[in-house]
């Protein structure tokens, strides 16, 4: 087997349980801002519509068609408008509440710490993320993940977003890693896996939902702990 030295990992949905942490924060927002009194009957309805709009906004952000600042406010404004609520002030307040508090939540994907302890003893570990830098730093710190990692590479610091080759080249240069000695681990085919393939880096697809794909990669795993038998 090839001798690997550097492991690059995605953060959201790979290590940090984005779906559950986000759901809990959105439920808290629903109660705090009394959204039921404004006409949204159930928190699950609010969360469902927000998730759809948020994904659309992130797609535009990755294509540089939406700024960071606009993404943070527009996603909640559009969600409220879907329910017939036109209130820019509340949308901005909710947006700030979400950005401030969701990184404080600390639910991790099953097996996260066990896997990182195992990998830390064998490799240099780094994060590559499209998430906003100040938010990702807080997630790592609050979840007690910071000590595992040598470097965190964000799309903001690199100036390019996954799957662009440039962010991977930036990561290799920053860490002193050689392409042939590096592996990318992530949950997103379009950003993590496609990005690794674009640059010729080996990759492991964290695939808990067993999505079909045609990528020729090092491994496809359903749980994080399966990676221990691969690396």
Protein backbone atom coordinates (compact mmCIF):
# COMPACT_ATOMS: atom_id res chain seq x y z
CA UNK A 1 0.00 0.00 0.00
CA UNK A 2 1.13 3.54 -0.73
CA UNK A 3 2.86 5.31 2.15
CA UNK A 4 0.61 8.18 3.19
CA UNK A 5 1.75 10.93 5.53
CA UNK A 6 -0.94 13.64 5.34
CA UNK A 7 -4.69 13.21 5.76
CA UNK A 8 -6.99 16.07 4.74
CA UNK A 9 -10.52 15.93 6.14
CA UNK A 10 -13.69 17.86 5.51
CA UNK A 11 -15.45 19.15 8.64
CA UNK A 12 -19.22 19.54 8.17
CA UNK A 13 -21.10 16.25 7.78
CA UNK A 14 -17.81 14.35 7.88
CA UNK A 15 -16.74 15.01 11.49
CA UNK A 16 -19.12 17.66 12.85
CA UNK A 17 -22.75 16.54 12.63
CA UNK A 18 -24.05 19.49 10.65
CA UNK A 19 -27.57 18.12 10.17
CA UNK A 20 -28.28 17.47 13.85
CA UNK A 21 -26.53 20.57 15.19
CA UNK A 22 -28.32 22.75 12.65
CA UNK A 23 -31.68 21.14 13.39
CA UNK A 24 -31.33 21.80 17.10
CA UNK A 25 -30.32 25.42 16.55
CA UNK A 26 -33.18 26.04 14.12
CA UNK A 27 -35.66 24.59 16.61
CA UNK A 28 -34.26 26.96 19.24
CA UNK A 29 -34.62 29.88 16.82
CA UNK A 30 -38.22 28.85 16.05
CA UNK A 31 -39.06 29.09 19.76
CA UNK A 32 -37.01 32.19 20.57
CA UNK A 33 -38.43 34.27 17.72
CA UNK A 34 -41.97 32.93 18.28
CA UNK A 35 -42.29 31.99 14.62
CA UNK A 36 -45.49 30.06 15.32
CA UNK A 37 -47.16 33.33 16.25
CA UNK A 38 -46.03 34.75 12.90
CA UNK A 39 -47.81 32.00 11.01
CA UNK A 40 -45.35 29.08 10.76
CA UNK A 41 -47.24 26.23 12.36
CA UNK A 42 -44.46 23.70 12.99
CA UNK A 43 -40.67 23.90 13.45
CA UNK A 44 -40.21 20.99 11.03
CA UNK A 45 -41.87 23.01 8.26
CA UNK A 46 -39.56 25.94 8.95
CA UNK A 47 -36.50 23.67 8.96
CA UNK A 48 -37.49 21.85 5.76
CA UNK A 49 -37.91 25.06 3.77
CA UNK A 50 -34.79 26.65 5.25
CA UNK A 51 -32.66 23.62 4.35
CA UNK A 52 -33.79 23.74 0.73
CA UNK A 53 -33.16 27.48 0.42
CA UNK A 54 -29.85 27.23 2.28
CA UNK A 55 -28.60 24.57 -0.14
CA UNK A 56 -29.54 26.78 -3.09
CA UNK A 57 -27.71 29.73 -1.52
CA UNK A 58 -24.58 27.64 -0.84
CA UNK A 59 -24.59 26.43 -4.44
CA UNK A 60 -24.58 30.05 -5.58
CA UNK A 61 -21.86 30.89 -3.05
CA UNK A 62 -19.62 28.08 -4.35
CA UNK A 63 -20.05 29.51 -7.85
CA UNK A 64 -19.13 33.00 -6.56
CA UNK A 65 -22.62 34.25 -7.45
CA UNK A 66 -23.48 35.11 -3.85
CA UNK A 67 -21.31 36.79 -1.23
CA UNK A 68 -20.78 35.51 2.28
CA UNK A 69 -22.70 38.44 3.75
CA UNK A 70 -25.63 38.06 1.36
CA UNK A 71 -25.82 34.32 1.96
CA UNK A 72 -26.17 34.80 5.70
CA UNK A 73 -29.12 37.19 5.42
CA UNK A 74 -30.87 36.08 2.23
CA UNK A 75 -31.34 32.44 3.26
CA UNK A 76 -33.49 33.39 6.25
CA UNK A 77 -35.24 36.26 4.45
CA UNK A 78 -36.33 33.89 1.67
CA UNK A 79 -37.41 31.28 4.21
CA UNK A 80 -39.64 33.77 6.02
CA UNK A 81 -41.00 35.08 2.72
CA UNK A 82 -42.00 31.55 1.76
CA UNK A 83 -44.34 31.61 4.75
CA UNK A 84 -45.65 35.08 3.87
CA UNK A 85 -43.49 36.93 6.39
CA UNK A 86 -41.73 39.96 4.96
CA UNK A 87 -39.47 41.29 7.69
CA UNK A 88 -35.85 42.11 6.89
CA UNK A 89 -35.04 42.95 10.52
CA UNK A 90 -36.20 39.61 11.91
CA UNK A 91 -34.43 37.78 9.09
CA UNK A 92 -31.15 39.52 9.93
CA UNK A 93 -31.61 38.87 13.66
CA UNK A 94 -32.26 35.17 12.99
CA UNK A 95 -29.26 35.02 10.68
CA UNK A 96 -26.99 36.47 13.35
CA UNK A 97 -28.44 34.18 16.00
CA UNK A 98 -27.74 31.15 13.84
CA UNK A 99 -24.16 32.17 13.02
CA UNK A 100 -23.43 32.97 16.68
CA UNK A 101 -24.91 29.86 18.26
CA UNK A 102 -24.79 26.93 15.85
CA UNK A 103 -20.97 26.63 16.16
CA UNK A 104 -21.42 26.17 19.92
CA UNK A 105 -23.20 22.89 19.33
CA UNK A 106 -20.94 19.88 19.64
CA UNK A 107 -22.63 16.77 18.28
CA UNK A 108 -20.14 14.80 16.20
CA UNK A 109 -20.51 12.01 13.67
CA UNK A 110 -20.32 8.60 15.38
CA UNK A 111 -16.75 7.41 15.76
CA UNK A 112 -15.21 10.84 15.16
CA UNK A 113 -12.90 11.00 18.18
CA UNK A 114 -11.93 7.34 17.96
CA UNK A 115 -10.96 7.72 14.32
CA UNK A 116 -9.02 10.94 14.89
CA UNK A 117 -7.08 9.43 17.82
CA UNK A 118 -6.13 6.53 15.57
CA UNK A 119 -5.14 8.73 12.63
CA UNK A 120 -3.28 11.28 14.78
CA UNK A 121 -0.84 8.56 15.87
CA UNK A 122 0.06 7.75 12.27
CA UNK A 123 -0.41 10.86 10.13
CA UNK A 124 -0.44 14.64 10.05
CA UNK A 125 -4.08 15.73 9.97
CA UNK A 126 -5.52 18.85 8.35
CA UNK A 127 -8.96 20.30 7.61
CA UNK A 128 -10.04 21.55 4.18
CA UNK A 129 -13.41 23.31 4.33
CA UNK A 130 -15.60 25.64 2.31
CA UNK A 131 -17.17 26.82 5.56
CA UNK A 132 -16.58 30.32 6.89
CA UNK A 133 -13.29 30.58 8.75
CA UNK A 134 -14.43 32.15 12.01
CA UNK A 135 -17.32 29.68 12.25
CA UNK A 136 -15.19 26.60 11.56
CA UNK A 137 -12.59 27.65 14.14
CA UNK A 138 -15.34 27.82 16.77
CA UNK A 139 -16.75 24.43 15.78
CA UNK A 140 -13.35 22.79 16.13
CA UNK A 141 -12.65 24.46 19.46
CA UNK A 142 -16.06 23.88 21.03
CA UNK A 143 -16.10 20.25 19.88
CA UNK A 144 -12.57 19.68 21.24
CA UNK A 145 -11.28 18.78 17.78
CA UNK A 146 -8.60 21.48 17.47
CA UNK A 147 -5.71 19.43 18.98
CA UNK A 148 -5.98 16.77 16.30
CA UNK A 149 -5.13 19.09 13.43
CA UNK A 150 -1.95 20.75 12.23
CA UNK A 151 -3.59 23.14 9.77
CA UNK A 152 -7.08 24.28 8.82
CA UNK A 153 -7.41 25.37 5.21
CA UNK A 154 -10.56 27.35 4.43
CA UNK A 155 -11.82 28.56 1.09
CA UNK A 156 -11.56 32.11 2.48
CA UNK A 157 -7.86 31.77 3.28
CA UNK A 158 -7.10 29.97 0.02
CA UNK A 159 -9.16 32.29 -2.15
CA UNK A 160 -10.79 29.32 -3.88
CA UNK A 161 -13.51 26.85 -2.96
CA UNK A 162 -13.54 23.09 -3.28
CA UNK A 163 -13.55 21.43 -5.82
CA UNK A 164 -11.11 23.90 -7.43
CA UNK A 165 -7.56 22.60 -7.81
CA UNK A 166 -6.22 25.83 -6.36
CA UNK A 167 -7.49 25.20 -2.82
CA UNK A 168 -5.87 21.75 -2.83
CA UNK A 169 -2.60 23.16 -4.17
CA UNK A 170 -2.76 25.83 -1.47
CA UNK A 171 -3.27 23.11 1.15
CA UNK A 172 -0.33 21.08 -0.12
CA UNK A 173 1.96 24.14 -0.12
CA UNK A 174 0.83 25.28 3.34
CA UNK A 175 1.34 21.88 4.93
CA UNK A 176 4.40 20.81 2.97
CA UNK A 177 2.57 17.67 1.89
CA UNK A 178 3.32 15.81 -1.30
CA UNK A 179 0.39 14.87 -3.50
CA UNK A 180 1.47 11.23 -3.60
CA UNK A 181 1.51 11.08 0.21
CA UNK A 182 -1.92 12.66 0.77
CA UNK A 183 -5.51 11.49 1.14
CA UNK A 184 -8.76 13.50 1.20
CA UNK A 185 -11.67 12.28 3.35
CA UNK A 186 -15.08 13.85 2.87
CA UNK A 187 -18.80 13.35 2.51
CA UNK A 188 -19.49 15.46 -0.59
CA UNK A 189 -18.98 14.00 -4.06
CA UNK A 190 -19.10 17.38 -5.81
CA UNK A 191 -16.62 19.18 -3.55
CA UNK A 192 -14.44 16.76 -1.58
CA UNK A 193 -14.19 13.80 -3.94
CA UNK A 194 -14.34 15.70 -7.23
CA UNK A 195 -11.77 18.13 -5.88
CA UNK A 196 -9.38 15.34 -4.94
CA UNK A 197 -9.89 13.65 -8.31
CA UNK A 198 -9.27 16.95 -10.11
CA UNK A 199 -5.80 17.23 -8.61
CA UNK A 200 -4.96 13.52 -8.59
CA UNK A 201 -5.18 13.01 -4.83
CA UNK A 202 -6.40 9.74 -3.35
CA UNK A 203 -9.71 10.06 -1.54
CA UNK A 204 -12.08 8.24 0.79
CA UNK A 205 -15.77 8.96 0.39
CA UNK A 206 -17.70 8.98 3.67
CA UNK A 207 -20.99 7.70 2.33
CA UNK A 208 -23.46 6.87 5.13
CA UNK A 209 -26.43 7.14 2.76
CA UNK A 210 -24.86 4.72 0.25
CA UNK A 211 -25.10 7.03 -2.73
CA UNK A 212 -24.11 5.52 -6.05
CA UNK A 213 -21.17 7.08 -7.87
CA UNK A 214 -18.63 6.30 -10.55
CA UNK A 215 -15.51 7.82 -9.02
CA UNK A 216 -12.38 5.67 -8.96
CA UNK A 217 -11.25 6.29 -5.38
CA UNK A 218 -9.29 4.66 -2.58
CA UNK A 219 -12.38 3.65 -0.61
CA UNK A 220 -16.08 4.22 0.00
CA UNK A 221 -17.17 3.83 3.64
CA UNK A 222 -20.48 3.89 5.44
CA UNK A 223 -19.03 4.67 8.89
CA UNK A 224 -15.99 6.63 10.01
CA UNK A 225 -14.50 3.68 11.88
CA UNK A 226 -14.22 1.67 8.66
CA UNK A 227 -11.39 4.04 7.74
CA UNK A 228 -9.21 2.47 10.45
CA UNK A 229 -8.95 -0.69 8.35
CA UNK A 230 -7.95 1.32 5.25
CA UNK A 231 -5.31 3.73 6.58
